[in-house]
Amino acid sequence: MVKCPLCGYRFDEEESPGCRGCPLKSGCGMVRCPNCGYEFIPGDRKPFLVRWVVKR
């Protein structure tokens, strides 16, 4: 289960329609919230430096 940081909706990653307009199409690690459309990288996939900065 993934929780959208914008609206708080919880969903399975398989339920996510994926990102649109991205030339990578897959492998970028982003998911799209099916409720509000916000695209984000789930917390466990964020680069180490980003996770470290957020903790501080």
N, C-alpha and C. Protein backbone atom coordinates (compact mmCIF):
# COMPACT_ATOMS: atom_id res chain seq x y z
N MET A 1 0.84 -1.19 0.00
CA MET A 1 0.00 0.00 0.00
C MET A 1 0.88 1.26 0.00
N VAL A 2 0.43 2.23 -0.75
CA VAL A 2 1.12 3.52 -0.86
C VAL A 2 0.13 4.59 -0.44
N LYS A 3 0.63 5.61 0.27
CA LYS A 3 -0.22 6.73 0.69
C LYS A 3 0.20 7.97 -0.07
N CYS A 4 -0.76 8.62 -0.70
CA CYS A 4 -0.48 9.86 -1.44
C CYS A 4 -0.13 10.97 -0.45
N PRO A 5 1.01 11.64 -0.66
CA PRO A 5 1.40 12.72 0.26
C PRO A 5 0.54 13.98 0.11
N LEU A 6 -0.20 14.07 -0.98
CA LEU A 6 -1.03 15.26 -1.20
C LEU A 6 -2.42 15.13 -0.60
N CYS A 7 -3.12 14.02 -0.92
CA CYS A 7 -4.51 13.89 -0.47
C CYS A 7 -4.70 12.83 0.61
N GLY A 8 -3.67 11.98 0.85
CA GLY A 8 -3.77 10.97 1.89
C GLY A 8 -4.45 9.68 1.47
N TYR A 9 -4.83 9.56 0.22
CA TYR A 9 -5.50 8.36 -0.29
C TYR A 9 -4.51 7.19 -0.29
N ARG A 10 -4.97 6.03 0.17
CA ARG A 10 -4.13 4.83 0.18
C ARG A 10 -4.55 3.92 -0.98
N PHE A 11 -3.55 3.40 -1.72
CA PHE A 11 -3.84 2.55 -2.86
C PHE A 11 -2.67 1.61 -3.14
N ASP A 12 -2.95 0.55 -3.89
CA ASP A 12 -1.90 -0.36 -4.34
C ASP A 12 -1.20 0.27 -5.53
N GLU A 13 0.09 0.01 -5.66
CA GLU A 13 0.82 0.56 -6.80
C GLU A 13 0.27 0.03 -8.12
N GLU A 14 -0.26 -1.19 -8.13
CA GLU A 14 -0.84 -1.74 -9.35
C GLU A 14 -2.09 -0.98 -9.77
N GLU A 15 -2.74 -0.30 -8.83
CA GLU A 15 -3.93 0.49 -9.10
C GLU A 15 -3.58 1.83 -9.76
N SER A 16 -2.30 2.21 -9.65
CA SER A 16 -1.83 3.49 -10.18
C SER A 16 -1.80 3.46 -11.70
N PRO A 17 -2.35 4.48 -12.35
CA PRO A 17 -2.33 4.52 -13.81
C PRO A 17 -0.96 4.84 -14.39
N GLY A 18 0.03 5.16 -13.56
CA GLY A 18 1.36 5.49 -14.05
C GLY A 18 1.45 6.93 -14.50
N CYS A 19 2.65 7.36 -14.77
CA CYS A 19 2.81 8.76 -15.16
C CYS A 19 2.50 8.93 -16.64
N ARG A 20 2.10 10.12 -16.99
CA ARG A 20 1.74 10.44 -18.38
C ARG A 20 2.69 11.50 -18.90
N GLY A 21 3.02 11.41 -20.14
CA GLY A 21 3.86 12.41 -20.76
C GLY A 21 5.34 12.25 -20.45
N CYS A 22 5.70 11.20 -19.77
CA CYS A 22 7.09 10.97 -19.41
C CYS A 22 7.76 10.16 -20.51
N PRO A 23 8.91 10.59 -21.02
CA PRO A 23 9.56 9.82 -22.08
C PRO A 23 10.09 8.47 -21.58
N LEU A 24 10.27 8.31 -20.28
CA LEU A 24 10.77 7.04 -19.75
C LEU A 24 9.69 5.98 -19.74
N LYS A 25 8.43 6.39 -19.54
CA LYS A 25 7.25 5.52 -19.50
C LYS A 25 7.31 4.46 -18.40
N SER A 26 8.44 3.85 -18.18
CA SER A 26 8.55 2.88 -17.09
C SER A 26 9.97 2.93 -16.54
N GLY A 27 10.11 2.52 -15.33
CA GLY A 27 11.43 2.50 -14.73
C GLY A 27 11.81 3.79 -14.02
N CYS A 28 10.94 4.80 -14.06
CA CYS A 28 11.27 6.05 -13.39
C CYS A 28 10.95 5.98 -11.90
N GLY A 29 10.12 5.03 -11.49
CA GLY A 29 9.80 4.85 -10.08
C GLY A 29 8.65 5.69 -9.57
N MET A 30 8.10 6.55 -10.41
CA MET A 30 7.01 7.41 -9.96
C MET A 30 5.68 6.68 -10.08
N VAL A 31 4.77 7.02 -9.18
CA VAL A 31 3.41 6.51 -9.25
C VAL A 31 2.45 7.70 -9.26
N ARG A 32 1.26 7.49 -9.78
CA ARG A 32 0.24 8.55 -9.85
C ARG A 32 -0.92 8.14 -8.97
N CYS A 33 -1.34 9.04 -8.10
CA CYS A 33 -2.49 8.79 -7.24
C CYS A 33 -3.75 8.72 -8.09
N PRO A 34 -4.51 7.63 -7.99
CA PRO A 34 -5.74 7.52 -8.78
C PRO A 34 -6.84 8.45 -8.27
N ASN A 35 -6.68 9.00 -7.08
CA ASN A 35 -7.69 9.89 -6.51
C ASN A 35 -7.51 11.34 -6.96
N CYS A 36 -6.28 11.86 -6.85
CA CYS A 36 -6.07 13.28 -7.17
C CYS A 36 -5.14 13.52 -8.36
N GLY A 37 -4.43 12.47 -8.83
CA GLY A 37 -3.57 12.62 -9.99
C GLY A 37 -2.16 13.09 -9.68
N TYR A 38 -1.83 13.27 -8.41
CA TYR A 38 -0.49 13.71 -8.02
C TYR A 38 0.53 12.61 -8.29
N GLU A 39 1.66 12.96 -8.92
CA GLU A 39 2.72 12.00 -9.20
C GLU A 39 3.82 12.18 -8.18
N PHE A 40 4.31 11.06 -7.65
CA PHE A 40 5.35 11.12 -6.63
C PHE A 40 6.16 9.83 -6.62
N ILE A 41 7.30 9.89 -5.95
CA ILE A 41 8.14 8.71 -5.77
C ILE A 41 7.83 8.17 -4.38
N PRO A 42 7.40 6.91 -4.27
CA PRO A 42 7.14 6.35 -2.95
C PRO A 42 8.37 6.45 -2.05
N GLY A 43 8.15 6.59 -0.75
CA GLY A 43 9.21 6.82 0.21
C GLY A 43 10.35 5.82 0.18
N ASP A 44 10.07 4.56 -0.05
CA ASP A 44 11.13 3.55 -0.05
C ASP A 44 11.99 3.60 -1.30
N ARG A 45 11.61 4.38 -2.31
CA ARG A 45 12.38 4.46 -3.55
C ARG A 45 13.13 5.77 -3.70
N LYS A 46 12.98 6.68 -2.74
CA LYS A 46 13.67 7.95 -2.86
C LYS A 46 15.17 7.76 -2.68
N PRO A 47 15.96 8.55 -3.40
CA PRO A 47 17.41 8.45 -3.24
C PRO A 47 17.83 8.72 -1.79
N PHE A 48 18.95 8.16 -1.40
CA PHE A 48 19.42 8.27 -0.02
C PHE A 48 19.51 9.72 0.43
N LEU A 49 20.08 10.58 -0.39
CA LEU A 49 20.26 11.98 0.00
C LEU A 49 18.91 12.66 0.27
N VAL A 50 17.91 12.38 -0.52
CA VAL A 50 16.58 12.97 -0.32
C VAL A 50 16.00 12.48 1.00
N ARG A 51 16.10 11.17 1.28
CA ARG A 51 15.58 10.64 2.55
C ARG A 51 16.31 11.26 3.73
N TRP A 52 17.62 11.46 3.61
CA TRP A 52 18.41 12.04 4.70
C TRP A 52 18.01 13.48 4.96
N VAL A 53 17.82 14.26 3.91
CA VAL A 53 17.44 15.67 4.05
C VAL A 53 16.05 15.78 4.67
N VAL A 54 15.12 14.94 4.25
CA VAL A 54 13.75 14.98 4.79
C VAL A 54 13.76 14.66 6.29
N LYS A 55 14.60 13.72 6.71
CA LYS A 55 14.67 13.38 8.13
C LYS A 55 15.19 14.55 8.95
N ARG A 56 16.05 15.37 8.39
CA ARG A 56 16.65 16.49 9.13
C ARG A 56 15.67 17.60 9.14
